[in-house]
Amino acid sequence: MECVLGLVGRDFAVVAADTSAVQSILVHKTDEDKVMVLDSHKLMGASGEPGDRVQFTEYIQKNLHLYQFRNTIPLSTAATANFTRGELATALRKNPYMVNVILGGYDKDVGASLYYIDYIATLHKIDKGAFGYGSYFCLSLMDKLYHPDMTLEEAVDLVDKCIKEIRLRLVVAPQNFVIKVVDKDGARELARRELVGDSASAEAAAATTVAA
């Protein structure tokens, strides 16, 4: 029941993802960070098989660092997207990675950009996008509410609307989400959205039981 989404605003890109680590009917943890900071100005949100997701995102991150060490300049966001697509395409004919990626970045000469890359190495530059079961609700909300000149506050509000809809409509909805942003000031975590209501209610009920 994973969900990764992203959008581009006026001069920034936002990438958000759930933080659940799930296998079959079991939730192993609810604080898994699925949005990796690749370098100072790039974010990669990934969904898919946990082993493939962790291995592939780390592989891309380390190769970006290696390129910068060798050439003294970082890859652009577009070059990173094409490198990522190339690695997925190569693996597709050998041992495929079951990973879907939303890549966001900021370049001085281009501004913010966002790329959609799926497990069969499809690459598209997009303004908004989502992966996972949550995309059924996110994409329709984005179609209605998104506009290219969004401020950061408007973008976060749209992400919050998507999270609310996922929690409301999805049968087995992820509890927690992380939201990260990249702009001229770099890539960083912006906020976490944690569903604390249920745990608070459980603690209150436990306290009442003990008191009784």
N, C-alpha and C. Protein backbone atom coordinates (compact mmCIF):
# COMPACT_ATOMS: atom_id res chain seq x y z
N MET A 1 0.82 -1.21 0.00
CA MET A 1 0.00 0.00 0.00
C MET A 1 0.86 1.26 0.00
N GLU A 2 1.99 1.20 -0.68
CA GLU A 2 2.91 2.34 -0.70
C GLU A 2 2.35 3.49 -1.51
N CYS A 3 2.86 4.68 -1.21
CA CYS A 3 2.49 5.85 -2.00
C CYS A 3 3.64 6.85 -2.01
N VAL A 4 4.07 7.24 -3.21
CA VAL A 4 5.08 8.27 -3.40
C VAL A 4 4.49 9.30 -4.35
N LEU A 5 4.61 10.57 -4.02
CA LEU A 5 4.07 11.61 -4.89
C LEU A 5 5.01 12.80 -4.93
N GLY A 6 4.90 13.59 -5.98
CA GLY A 6 5.74 14.76 -6.12
C GLY A 6 5.11 15.79 -7.02
N LEU A 7 5.54 17.04 -6.88
CA LEU A 7 5.06 18.12 -7.74
C LEU A 7 6.08 19.23 -7.78
N VAL A 8 6.00 20.02 -8.85
CA VAL A 8 6.91 21.16 -9.05
C VAL A 8 6.12 22.44 -8.86
N GLY A 9 6.68 23.36 -8.10
CA GLY A 9 6.04 24.66 -7.90
C GLY A 9 6.79 25.77 -8.61
N ARG A 10 6.68 26.95 -8.08
CA ARG A 10 7.26 28.13 -8.71
C ARG A 10 8.78 28.02 -8.86
N ASP A 11 9.47 27.63 -7.79
CA ASP A 11 10.93 27.51 -7.83
C ASP A 11 11.40 26.39 -6.91
N PHE A 12 10.64 25.33 -6.83
CA PHE A 12 10.96 24.23 -5.92
C PHE A 12 10.27 22.95 -6.41
N ALA A 13 10.70 21.83 -5.87
CA ALA A 13 10.03 20.55 -6.09
C ALA A 13 9.80 19.90 -4.73
N VAL A 14 8.62 19.31 -4.57
CA VAL A 14 8.27 18.62 -3.33
C VAL A 14 8.09 17.13 -3.63
N VAL A 15 8.68 16.29 -2.81
CA VAL A 15 8.51 14.84 -2.92
C VAL A 15 8.08 14.31 -1.55
N ALA A 16 7.01 13.53 -1.54
CA ALA A 16 6.49 12.97 -0.29
C ALA A 16 6.28 11.47 -0.45
N ALA A 17 6.35 10.75 0.66
CA ALA A 17 6.16 9.30 0.62
C ALA A 17 5.69 8.82 1.98
N ASP A 18 4.99 7.67 1.96
CA ASP A 18 4.64 7.06 3.24
C ASP A 18 5.90 6.49 3.88
N THR A 19 5.82 6.18 5.17
CA THR A 19 6.99 5.68 5.89
C THR A 19 6.75 4.28 6.45
N SER A 20 5.90 3.51 5.79
CA SER A 20 5.58 2.17 6.27
C SER A 20 6.47 1.13 5.59
N ALA A 21 6.97 0.19 6.39
CA ALA A 21 7.67 -0.97 5.87
C ALA A 21 6.75 -2.17 6.07
N VAL A 22 6.18 -2.67 4.97
CA VAL A 22 5.12 -3.67 5.05
C VAL A 22 5.50 -4.91 4.25
N GLN A 23 5.16 -6.06 4.78
CA GLN A 23 5.30 -7.32 4.04
C GLN A 23 4.05 -8.14 4.29
N SER A 24 3.36 -8.47 3.19
CA SER A 24 2.11 -9.22 3.28
C SER A 24 1.14 -8.48 4.20
N ILE A 25 0.67 -9.10 5.27
CA ILE A 25 -0.29 -8.45 6.17
C ILE A 25 0.38 -7.84 7.40
N LEU A 26 1.72 -7.80 7.40
CA LEU A 26 2.45 -7.31 8.57
C LEU A 26 3.06 -5.94 8.32
N VAL A 27 2.95 -5.07 9.31
CA VAL A 27 3.64 -3.78 9.30
C VAL A 27 4.87 -3.91 10.19
N HIS A 28 6.05 -3.84 9.61
CA HIS A 28 7.28 -4.02 10.37
C HIS A 28 7.72 -2.74 11.08
N LYS A 29 7.51 -1.61 10.41
CA LYS A 29 7.87 -0.32 11.02
C LYS A 29 7.11 0.80 10.33
N THR A 30 7.02 1.94 10.99
CA THR A 30 6.27 3.07 10.42
C THR A 30 7.14 4.33 10.33
N ASP A 31 8.45 4.16 10.32
CA ASP A 31 9.35 5.31 10.20
C ASP A 31 10.43 5.09 9.15
N GLU A 32 10.10 4.33 8.11
CA GLU A 32 11.04 4.08 7.01
C GLU A 32 11.05 5.27 6.05
N ASP A 33 12.21 5.89 5.89
CA ASP A 33 12.32 7.06 5.02
C ASP A 33 12.53 6.61 3.58
N LYS A 34 11.54 6.83 2.72
CA LYS A 34 11.60 6.39 1.32
C LYS A 34 11.96 7.53 0.36
N VAL A 35 12.29 8.69 0.91
CA VAL A 35 12.73 9.81 0.07
C VAL A 35 14.19 10.09 0.39
N MET A 36 15.08 9.66 -0.51
CA MET A 36 16.52 9.78 -0.26
C MET A 36 17.05 11.11 -0.80
N VAL A 37 17.88 11.76 0.00
CA VAL A 37 18.60 12.95 -0.47
C VAL A 37 19.83 12.45 -1.22
N LEU A 38 19.81 12.59 -2.55
CA LEU A 38 20.90 12.08 -3.38
C LEU A 38 22.15 12.94 -3.26
N ASP A 39 21.96 14.25 -3.32
CA ASP A 39 23.06 15.19 -3.08
C ASP A 39 22.45 16.49 -2.59
N SER A 40 23.18 17.56 -2.65
CA SER A 40 22.71 18.81 -2.05
C SER A 40 21.43 19.34 -2.68
N HIS A 41 21.16 19.01 -3.95
CA HIS A 41 20.00 19.57 -4.64
C HIS A 41 19.18 18.54 -5.40
N LYS A 42 19.13 17.30 -4.87
CA LYS A 42 18.32 16.27 -5.53
C LYS A 42 17.67 15.35 -4.51
N LEU A 43 16.42 14.97 -4.80
CA LEU A 43 15.66 14.04 -3.97
C LEU A 43 15.16 12.88 -4.81
N MET A 44 15.14 11.69 -4.25
CA MET A 44 14.59 10.54 -4.96
C MET A 44 13.59 9.83 -4.06
N GLY A 45 12.33 9.89 -4.42
CA GLY A 45 11.30 9.13 -3.73
C GLY A 45 11.09 7.83 -4.47
N ALA A 46 11.11 6.71 -3.74
CA ALA A 46 11.04 5.40 -4.39
C ALA A 46 10.04 4.50 -3.70
N SER A 47 9.39 3.66 -4.50
CA SER A 47 8.49 2.63 -3.98
C SER A 47 8.83 1.32 -4.68
N GLY A 48 8.47 0.22 -4.05
CA GLY A 48 8.74 -1.08 -4.64
C GLY A 48 9.19 -2.08 -3.60
N GLU A 49 9.76 -3.19 -4.06
CA GLU A 49 10.27 -4.20 -3.13
C GLU A 49 11.33 -3.58 -2.22
N PRO A 50 11.21 -3.77 -0.89
CA PRO A 50 12.10 -3.07 0.04
C PRO A 50 13.59 -3.26 -0.25
N GLY A 51 14.02 -4.50 -0.52
CA GLY A 51 15.43 -4.74 -0.80
C GLY A 51 15.89 -4.03 -2.05
N ASP A 52 15.10 -4.13 -3.13
CA ASP A 52 15.45 -3.45 -4.37
C ASP A 52 15.47 -1.93 -4.18
N ARG A 53 14.48 -1.43 -3.46
CA ARG A 53 14.37 0.02 -3.25
C ARG A 53 15.60 0.57 -2.53
N VAL A 54 15.97 -0.06 -1.43
CA VAL A 54 17.11 0.42 -0.65
C VAL A 54 18.41 0.27 -1.45
N GLN A 55 18.61 -0.89 -2.06
CA GLN A 55 19.86 -1.12 -2.81
C GLN A 55 19.97 -0.17 -3.99
N PHE A 56 18.88 0.01 -4.74
CA PHE A 56 18.95 0.82 -5.95
C PHE A 56 19.14 2.30 -5.63
N THR A 57 18.42 2.82 -4.65
CA THR A 57 18.56 4.24 -4.33
C THR A 57 19.95 4.54 -3.78
N GLU A 58 20.50 3.64 -2.98
CA GLU A 58 21.86 3.83 -2.48
C GLU A 58 22.88 3.75 -3.62
N TYR A 59 22.64 2.84 -4.56
CA TYR A 59 23.53 2.70 -5.71
C TYR A 59 23.56 4.00 -6.54
N ILE A 60 22.40 4.58 -6.78
CA ILE A 60 22.34 5.84 -7.53
C ILE A 60 23.02 6.95 -6.75
N GLN A 61 22.76 7.04 -5.46
CA GLN A 61 23.36 8.09 -4.63
C GLN A 61 24.89 8.01 -4.66
N LYS A 62 25.43 6.81 -4.48
CA LYS A 62 26.89 6.66 -4.43
C LYS A 62 27.53 6.93 -5.79
N ASN A 63 26.85 6.57 -6.86
CA ASN A 63 27.39 6.86 -8.19
C ASN A 63 27.38 8.35 -8.51
N LEU A 64 26.39 9.08 -8.01
CA LEU A 64 26.39 10.54 -8.17
C LEU A 64 27.57 11.15 -7.43
N HIS A 65 27.82 10.65 -6.21
CA HIS A 65 28.97 11.15 -5.45
C HIS A 65 30.28 10.83 -6.18
N LEU A 66 30.38 9.61 -6.72
CA LEU A 66 31.59 9.21 -7.44
C LEU A 66 31.82 10.10 -8.65
N TYR A 67 30.77 10.40 -9.40
CA TYR A 67 30.90 11.28 -10.57
C TYR A 67 31.40 12.65 -10.16
N GLN A 68 30.85 13.18 -9.07
CA GLN A 68 31.26 14.51 -8.62
C GLN A 68 32.71 14.51 -8.15
N PHE A 69 33.15 13.45 -7.46
CA PHE A 69 34.54 13.36 -7.02
C PHE A 69 35.50 13.31 -8.21
N ARG A 70 35.10 12.57 -9.26
CA ARG A 70 35.97 12.41 -10.43
C ARG A 70 36.01 13.64 -11.31
N ASN A 71 34.89 14.37 -11.39
CA ASN A 71 34.78 15.46 -12.36
C ASN A 71 34.65 16.84 -11.74
N THR A 72 34.58 16.89 -10.41
CA THR A 72 34.49 18.14 -9.63
C THR A 72 33.20 18.92 -9.83
N ILE A 73 32.29 18.41 -10.63
CA ILE A 73 30.98 19.04 -10.79
C ILE A 73 29.89 17.97 -10.65
N PRO A 74 28.74 18.33 -10.11
CA PRO A 74 27.66 17.34 -9.96
C PRO A 74 26.90 17.15 -11.26
N LEU A 75 26.25 16.01 -11.39
CA LEU A 75 25.33 15.79 -12.51
C LEU A 75 24.11 16.70 -12.35
N SER A 76 23.57 17.16 -13.47
CA SER A 76 22.31 17.91 -13.42
C SER A 76 21.17 16.96 -13.11
N THR A 77 20.01 17.51 -12.81
CA THR A 77 18.84 16.68 -12.52
C THR A 77 18.44 15.85 -13.74
N ALA A 78 18.49 16.46 -14.92
CA ALA A 78 18.14 15.74 -16.15
C ALA A 78 19.13 14.60 -16.41
N ALA A 79 20.43 14.87 -16.20
CA ALA A 79 21.44 13.82 -16.39
C ALA A 79 21.27 12.70 -15.38
N THR A 80 20.92 13.05 -14.15
CA THR A 80 20.68 12.04 -13.11
C THR A 80 19.49 11.17 -13.49
N ALA A 81 18.43 11.80 -14.02
CA ALA A 81 17.25 11.05 -14.43
C ALA A 81 17.60 10.07 -15.56
N ASN A 82 18.40 10.51 -16.51
CA ASN A 82 18.78 9.63 -17.62
C ASN A 82 19.74 8.53 -17.17
N PHE A 83 20.62 8.83 -16.22
CA PHE A 83 21.50 7.80 -15.67
C PHE A 83 20.67 6.75 -14.93
N THR A 84 19.71 7.20 -14.14
CA THR A 84 18.84 6.28 -13.40
C THR A 84 18.04 5.41 -14.35
N ARG A 85 17.52 6.02 -15.39
CA ARG A 85 16.75 5.28 -16.39
C ARG A 85 17.64 4.24 -17.09
N GLY A 86 18.87 4.63 -17.39
CA GLY A 86 19.80 3.70 -18.03
C GLY A 86 20.12 2.50 -17.17
N GLU A 87 20.30 2.72 -15.86
CA GLU A 87 20.59 1.61 -14.96
C GLU A 87 19.39 0.67 -14.84
N LEU A 88 18.19 1.22 -14.81
CA LEU A 88 16.99 0.37 -14.76
C LEU A 88 16.83 -0.41 -16.06
N ALA A 89 17.13 0.23 -17.18
CA ALA A 89 17.01 -0.44 -18.48
C ALA A 89 18.02 -1.58 -18.60
N THR A 90 19.24 -1.36 -18.12
CA THR A 90 20.26 -2.41 -18.13
C THR A 90 19.85 -3.58 -17.25
N ALA A 91 19.37 -3.27 -16.05
CA ALA A 91 18.95 -4.31 -15.11
C ALA A 91 17.73 -5.07 -15.62
N LEU A 92 16.89 -4.40 -16.39
CA LEU A 92 15.66 -5.01 -16.89
C LEU A 92 15.95 -6.25 -17.73
N ARG A 93 17.10 -6.29 -18.38
CA ARG A 93 17.48 -7.40 -19.25
C ARG A 93 18.35 -8.43 -18.52
N LYS A 94 18.58 -8.21 -17.23
CA LYS A 94 19.41 -9.14 -16.45
C LYS A 94 18.67 -9.57 -15.19
N ASN A 95 18.62 -8.69 -14.23
CA ASN A 95 17.94 -8.97 -12.97
C ASN A 95 17.18 -7.70 -12.55
N PRO A 96 15.93 -7.56 -12.97
CA PRO A 96 15.21 -6.27 -12.84
C PRO A 96 15.07 -5.81 -11.39
N TYR A 97 15.15 -4.49 -11.23
CA TYR A 97 14.81 -3.86 -9.95
C TYR A 97 13.31 -3.54 -9.97
N MET A 98 12.59 -4.00 -8.95
CA MET A 98 11.18 -3.67 -8.84
C MET A 98 11.05 -2.35 -8.08
N VAL A 99 11.41 -1.27 -8.75
CA VAL A 99 11.46 0.05 -8.11
C VAL A 99 10.84 1.09 -9.04
N ASN A 100 9.99 1.93 -8.48
CA ASN A 100 9.43 3.09 -9.18
C ASN A 100 9.95 4.35 -8.50
N VAL A 101 10.33 5.33 -9.30
CA VAL A 101 11.06 6.49 -8.77
C VAL A 101 10.41 7.80 -9.21
N ILE A 102 10.33 8.74 -8.27
CA ILE A 102 10.06 10.13 -8.60
C ILE A 102 11.28 10.94 -8.16
N LEU A 103 11.93 11.56 -9.13
CA LEU A 103 13.18 12.29 -8.90
C LEU A 103 12.93 13.79 -9.00
N GLY A 104 13.25 14.51 -7.96
CA GLY A 104 13.12 15.96 -7.97
C GLY A 104 14.47 16.62 -7.76
N GLY A 105 14.68 17.75 -8.41
CA GLY A 105 15.96 18.43 -8.26
C GLY A 105 15.86 19.90 -8.61
N TYR A 106 16.92 20.63 -8.30
CA TYR A 106 16.99 22.06 -8.62
C TYR A 106 18.35 22.35 -9.23
N ASP A 107 18.33 23.00 -10.40
CA ASP A 107 19.56 23.42 -11.09
C ASP A 107 19.53 24.93 -11.29
N LYS A 108 20.66 25.58 -11.12
CA LYS A 108 20.70 27.04 -11.20
C LYS A 108 20.20 27.58 -12.53
N ASP A 109 20.58 26.90 -13.61
CA ASP A 109 20.22 27.42 -14.94
C ASP A 109 18.85 26.96 -15.42
N VAL A 110 18.27 25.97 -14.76
CA VAL A 110 16.99 25.39 -15.21
C VAL A 110 15.87 25.65 -14.20
N GLY A 111 16.21 25.65 -12.92
CA GLY A 111 15.21 25.74 -11.87
C GLY A 111 14.82 24.35 -11.40
N ALA A 112 13.65 24.25 -10.84
CA ALA A 112 13.18 22.97 -10.29
C ALA A 112 12.61 22.09 -11.39
N SER A 113 12.81 20.77 -11.26
CA SER A 113 12.26 19.83 -12.23
C SER A 113 11.93 18.52 -11.54
N LEU A 114 11.07 17.74 -12.17
CA LEU A 114 10.59 16.49 -11.59
C LEU A 114 10.53 15.43 -12.69
N TYR A 115 10.96 14.21 -12.37
CA TYR A 115 10.98 13.13 -13.35
C TYR A 115 10.31 11.87 -12.79
N TYR A 116 9.58 11.22 -13.67
CA TYR A 116 8.88 9.96 -13.38
C TYR A 116 9.66 8.83 -14.05
N ILE A 117 10.10 7.85 -13.26
CA ILE A 117 10.84 6.71 -13.82
C ILE A 117 10.27 5.45 -13.19
N ASP A 118 9.73 4.54 -14.01
CA ASP A 118 9.14 3.33 -13.43
C ASP A 118 10.06 2.13 -13.59
N TYR A 119 9.62 0.97 -13.12
CA TYR A 119 10.49 -0.20 -13.03
C TYR A 119 10.87 -0.79 -14.39
N ILE A 120 10.13 -0.43 -15.44
CA ILE A 120 10.51 -0.88 -16.78
C ILE A 120 11.25 0.21 -17.56
N ALA A 121 11.81 1.17 -16.82
CA ALA A 121 12.69 2.20 -17.37
C ALA A 121 11.98 3.20 -18.27
N THR A 122 10.73 3.51 -17.95
CA THR A 122 10.02 4.59 -18.63
C THR A 122 10.40 5.90 -17.96
N LEU A 123 10.78 6.89 -18.75
CA LEU A 123 11.21 8.18 -18.21
C LEU A 123 10.36 9.30 -18.79
N HIS A 124 9.81 10.13 -17.91
CA HIS A 124 9.06 11.31 -18.35
C HIS A 124 9.37 12.48 -17.43
N LYS A 125 9.53 13.65 -18.01
CA LYS A 125 9.58 14.87 -17.21
C LYS A 125 8.15 15.30 -16.93
N ILE A 126 7.83 15.55 -15.67
CA ILE A 126 6.44 15.83 -15.30
C ILE A 126 6.37 17.06 -14.40
N ASP A 127 5.16 17.58 -14.23
CA ASP A 127 4.90 18.64 -13.25
C ASP A 127 4.36 18.06 -11.95
N LYS A 128 3.69 16.92 -12.04
CA LYS A 128 3.11 16.27 -10.87
C LYS A 128 2.98 14.79 -11.16
N GLY A 129 3.07 13.96 -10.13
CA GLY A 129 2.95 12.53 -10.37
C GLY A 129 2.91 11.76 -9.06
N ALA A 130 2.55 10.48 -9.17
CA ALA A 130 2.45 9.64 -7.98
C ALA A 130 2.57 8.17 -8.38
N PHE A 131 3.05 7.36 -7.44
CA PHE A 131 3.11 5.91 -7.59
C PHE A 131 2.35 5.26 -6.44
N GLY A 132 1.95 4.02 -6.65
CA GLY A 132 1.32 3.26 -5.58
C GLY A 132 -0.19 3.35 -5.60
N TYR A 133 -0.83 2.63 -4.67
CA TYR A 133 -2.29 2.63 -4.60
C TYR A 133 -2.84 4.03 -4.29
N GLY A 134 -2.07 4.81 -3.54
CA GLY A 134 -2.52 6.16 -3.24
C GLY A 134 -2.62 7.06 -4.46
N SER A 135 -1.95 6.67 -5.55
CA SER A 135 -1.99 7.50 -6.76
C SER A 135 -3.39 7.61 -7.35
N TYR A 136 -4.24 6.60 -7.09
CA TYR A 136 -5.62 6.66 -7.59
C TYR A 136 -6.34 7.91 -7.09
N PHE A 137 -5.99 8.36 -5.89
CA PHE A 137 -6.64 9.53 -5.31
C PHE A 137 -5.80 10.79 -5.53
N CYS A 138 -4.47 10.65 -5.43
CA CYS A 138 -3.59 11.81 -5.56
C CYS A 138 -3.66 12.45 -6.96
N LEU A 139 -3.65 11.60 -7.98
CA LEU A 139 -3.61 12.14 -9.35
C LEU A 139 -4.86 12.95 -9.68
N SER A 140 -6.02 12.49 -9.22
CA SER A 140 -7.25 13.22 -9.50
C SER A 140 -7.28 14.55 -8.74
N LEU A 141 -6.79 14.53 -7.49
CA LEU A 141 -6.72 15.78 -6.73
C LEU A 141 -5.75 16.76 -7.37
N MET A 142 -4.60 16.24 -7.82
CA MET A 142 -3.62 17.11 -8.46
C MET A 142 -4.16 17.69 -9.77
N ASP A 143 -4.88 16.87 -10.53
CA ASP A 143 -5.46 17.38 -11.78
C ASP A 143 -6.39 18.56 -11.52
N LYS A 144 -7.10 18.52 -10.39
CA LYS A 144 -8.06 19.56 -10.08
C LYS A 144 -7.41 20.79 -9.43
N LEU A 145 -6.45 20.57 -8.54
CA LEU A 145 -5.97 21.66 -7.69
C LEU A 145 -4.58 22.18 -8.06
N TYR A 146 -3.82 21.43 -8.86
CA TYR A 146 -2.45 21.85 -9.17
C TYR A 146 -2.42 22.97 -10.21
N HIS A 147 -1.48 23.90 -10.03
CA HIS A 147 -1.15 24.86 -11.07
C HIS A 147 0.35 25.13 -11.00
N PRO A 148 0.98 25.42 -12.12
CA PRO A 148 2.45 25.48 -12.18
C PRO A 148 3.09 26.55 -11.32
N ASP A 149 2.32 27.60 -10.98
CA ASP A 149 2.90 28.73 -10.24
C ASP A 149 2.61 28.63 -8.74
N MET A 150 2.49 27.42 -8.21
CA MET A 150 2.16 27.23 -6.80
C MET A 150 3.29 27.73 -5.89
N THR A 151 2.90 28.29 -4.75
CA THR A 151 3.87 28.61 -3.71
C THR A 151 4.13 27.34 -2.90
N LEU A 152 5.17 27.37 -2.07
CA LEU A 152 5.50 26.21 -1.25
C LEU A 152 4.35 25.88 -0.30
N GLU A 153 3.72 26.90 0.26
CA GLU A 153 2.60 26.67 1.17
C GLU A 153 1.43 25.99 0.45
N GLU A 154 1.14 26.43 -0.76
CA GLU A 154 0.06 25.81 -1.54
C GLU A 154 0.40 24.37 -1.89
N ALA A 155 1.66 24.11 -2.21
CA ALA A 155 2.08 22.75 -2.57
C ALA A 155 1.95 21.81 -1.38
N VAL A 156 2.40 22.26 -0.21
CA VAL A 156 2.29 21.43 0.99
C VAL A 156 0.83 21.20 1.34
N ASP A 157 -0.01 22.21 1.15
CA ASP A 157 -1.44 22.05 1.41
C ASP A 157 -2.05 21.00 0.47
N LEU A 158 -1.62 20.99 -0.78
CA LEU A 158 -2.10 19.97 -1.73
C LEU A 158 -1.62 18.58 -1.33
N VAL A 159 -0.37 18.47 -0.91
CA VAL A 159 0.14 17.18 -0.42
C VAL A 159 -0.67 16.72 0.79
N ASP A 160 -0.98 17.64 1.69
CA ASP A 160 -1.79 17.29 2.87
C ASP A 160 -3.18 16.80 2.47
N LYS A 161 -3.76 17.41 1.45
CA LYS A 161 -5.06 16.96 0.95
C LYS A 161 -4.96 15.54 0.39
N CYS A 162 -3.87 15.27 -0.32
CA CYS A 162 -3.66 13.91 -0.85
C CYS A 162 -3.52 12.90 0.28
N ILE A 163 -2.74 13.25 1.31
CA ILE A 163 -2.56 12.36 2.45
C ILE A 163 -3.89 12.10 3.15
N LYS A 164 -4.66 13.14 3.33
CA LYS A 164 -5.97 13.00 3.99
C LYS A 164 -6.88 12.08 3.19
N GLU A 165 -6.86 12.23 1.88
CA GLU A 165 -7.72 11.40 1.03
C GLU A 165 -7.26 9.95 1.05
N ILE A 166 -5.96 9.72 1.07
CA ILE A 166 -5.43 8.35 1.14
C ILE A 166 -5.89 7.68 2.44
N ARG A 167 -5.75 8.40 3.54
CA ARG A 167 -6.15 7.84 4.83
C ARG A 167 -7.65 7.57 4.90
N LEU A 168 -8.41 8.41 4.21
CA LEU A 168 -9.86 8.27 4.25
C LEU A 168 -10.38 7.17 3.34
N ARG A 169 -9.76 7.01 2.17
CA ARG A 169 -10.34 6.16 1.13
C ARG A 169 -9.67 4.81 0.95
N LEU A 170 -8.39 4.71 1.32
CA LEU A 170 -7.67 3.46 1.09
C LEU A 170 -7.98 2.46 2.20
N VAL A 171 -8.23 1.22 1.82
CA VAL A 171 -8.64 0.20 2.80
C VAL A 171 -7.58 0.01 3.89
N VAL A 172 -6.34 -0.19 3.46
CA VAL A 172 -5.23 -0.32 4.41
C VAL A 172 -4.30 0.87 4.14
N ALA A 173 -4.54 1.96 4.83
CA ALA A 173 -3.82 3.20 4.53
C ALA A 173 -2.55 3.32 5.37
N PRO A 174 -1.47 3.84 4.79
CA PRO A 174 -0.26 4.11 5.58
C PRO A 174 -0.56 5.15 6.65
N GLN A 175 0.08 5.01 7.80
CA GLN A 175 -0.18 5.93 8.91
C GLN A 175 0.59 7.24 8.77
N ASN A 176 1.87 7.15 8.45
CA ASN A 176 2.75 8.31 8.51
C ASN A 176 3.35 8.63 7.14
N PHE A 177 3.66 9.91 6.94
CA PHE A 177 4.26 10.38 5.69
C PHE A 177 5.39 11.35 6.00
N VAL A 178 6.36 11.40 5.09
CA VAL A 178 7.43 12.39 5.18
C VAL A 178 7.37 13.26 3.92
N ILE A 179 7.58 14.56 4.10
CA ILE A 179 7.54 15.52 3.00
C ILE A 179 8.90 16.21 2.93
N LYS A 180 9.52 16.17 1.74
CA LYS A 180 10.82 16.83 1.56
C LYS A 180 10.73 17.80 0.39
N VAL A 181 11.56 18.83 0.43
CA VAL A 181 11.55 19.86 -0.61
C VAL A 181 12.98 20.13 -1.08
N VAL A 182 13.11 20.50 -2.34
CA VAL A 182 14.40 20.93 -2.88
C VAL A 182 14.19 22.23 -3.63
N ASP A 183 15.03 23.21 -3.36
CA ASP A 183 14.98 24.51 -4.03
C ASP A 183 16.39 25.07 -4.09
N LYS A 184 16.51 26.37 -4.31
CA LYS A 184 17.85 26.97 -4.43
C LYS A 184 18.67 26.82 -3.15
N ASP A 185 18.00 26.62 -2.03
CA ASP A 185 18.70 26.48 -0.75
C ASP A 185 19.09 25.04 -0.45
N GLY A 186 18.73 24.10 -1.33
CA GLY A 186 19.13 22.71 -1.16
C GLY A 186 17.97 21.78 -0.86
N ALA A 187 18.28 20.50 -0.68
CA ALA A 187 17.29 19.47 -0.40
C ALA A 187 17.22 19.24 1.10
N ARG A 188 16.00 19.13 1.62
CA ARG A 188 15.85 18.99 3.07
C ARG A 188 14.47 18.44 3.40
N GLU A 189 14.36 17.90 4.61
CA GLU A 189 13.06 17.45 5.09
C GLU A 189 12.25 18.67 5.53
N LEU A 190 11.01 18.71 5.09
CA LEU A 190 10.15 19.85 5.40
C LEU A 190 9.21 19.56 6.57
N ALA A 191 8.61 18.37 6.56
CA ALA A 191 7.63 18.03 7.60
C ALA A 191 7.36 16.54 7.59
N ARG A 192 6.80 16.08 8.69
CA ARG A 192 6.29 14.71 8.79
C ARG A 192 4.83 14.79 9.19
N ARG A 193 4.04 13.91 8.60
CA ARG A 193 2.62 13.85 8.93
C ARG A 193 2.36 12.51 9.59
N GLU A 194 2.20 12.53 10.90
CA GLU A 194 2.04 11.29 11.66
C GLU A 194 0.62 11.20 12.21
N LEU A 195 0.03 10.02 12.07
CA LEU A 195 -1.33 9.79 12.54
C LEU A 195 -1.25 9.41 14.01
N VAL A 196 -1.37 10.42 14.88
CA VAL A 196 -1.19 10.19 16.32
C VAL A 196 -2.50 9.99 17.05
N GLY A 197 -3.61 10.22 16.40
CA GLY A 197 -4.91 10.14 17.06
C GLY A 197 -5.19 8.77 17.64
N ASP A 198 -4.93 7.71 16.84
CA ASP A 198 -5.21 6.36 17.29
C ASP A 198 -4.35 5.97 18.48
N SER A 199 -3.05 6.30 18.44
CA SER A 199 -2.17 5.94 19.54
C SER A 199 -2.54 6.70 20.80
N ALA A 200 -2.94 7.98 20.63
CA ALA A 200 -3.35 8.77 21.78
C ALA A 200 -4.60 8.17 22.43
N SER A 201 -5.54 7.74 21.57
CA SER A 201 -6.75 7.12 22.09
C SER A 201 -6.45 5.83 22.82
N ALA A 202 -5.51 5.05 22.25
CA ALA A 202 -5.14 3.78 22.87
C ALA A 202 -4.50 4.00 24.23
N GLU A 203 -3.63 5.04 24.31
CA GLU A 203 -2.98 5.33 25.59
C GLU A 203 -4.01 5.79 26.62
N ALA A 204 -4.97 6.59 26.18
CA ALA A 204 -6.01 7.06 27.10
C ALA A 204 -6.86 5.90 27.61
N ALA A 205 -7.18 4.98 26.68
CA ALA A 205 -7.97 3.81 27.07
C ALA A 205 -7.20 2.92 28.04
N ALA A 206 -5.88 2.76 27.79
CA ALA A 206 -5.06 1.96 28.69
C ALA A 206 -4.97 2.58 30.07
N ALA A 207 -4.84 3.91 30.12
CA ALA A 207 -4.77 4.62 31.40
C ALA A 207 -6.06 4.46 32.18
N THR A 208 -7.20 4.51 31.46
CA THR A 208 -8.50 4.35 32.10
C THR A 208 -8.64 2.95 32.68
N THR A 209 -8.17 1.95 31.93
CA THR A 209 -8.24 0.55 32.38
C THR A 209 -7.42 0.35 33.64
N VAL A 210 -6.21 0.90 33.64
CA VAL A 210 -5.32 0.76 34.79
C VAL A 210 -5.93 1.45 36.02
N ALA A 211 -6.49 2.63 35.80
CA ALA A 211 -7.10 3.37 36.91
C ALA A 211 -8.29 2.63 37.50
N ALA A 212 -9.07 1.96 36.63
CA ALA A 212 -10.22 1.19 37.09
C ALA A 212 -9.78 -0.03 37.88
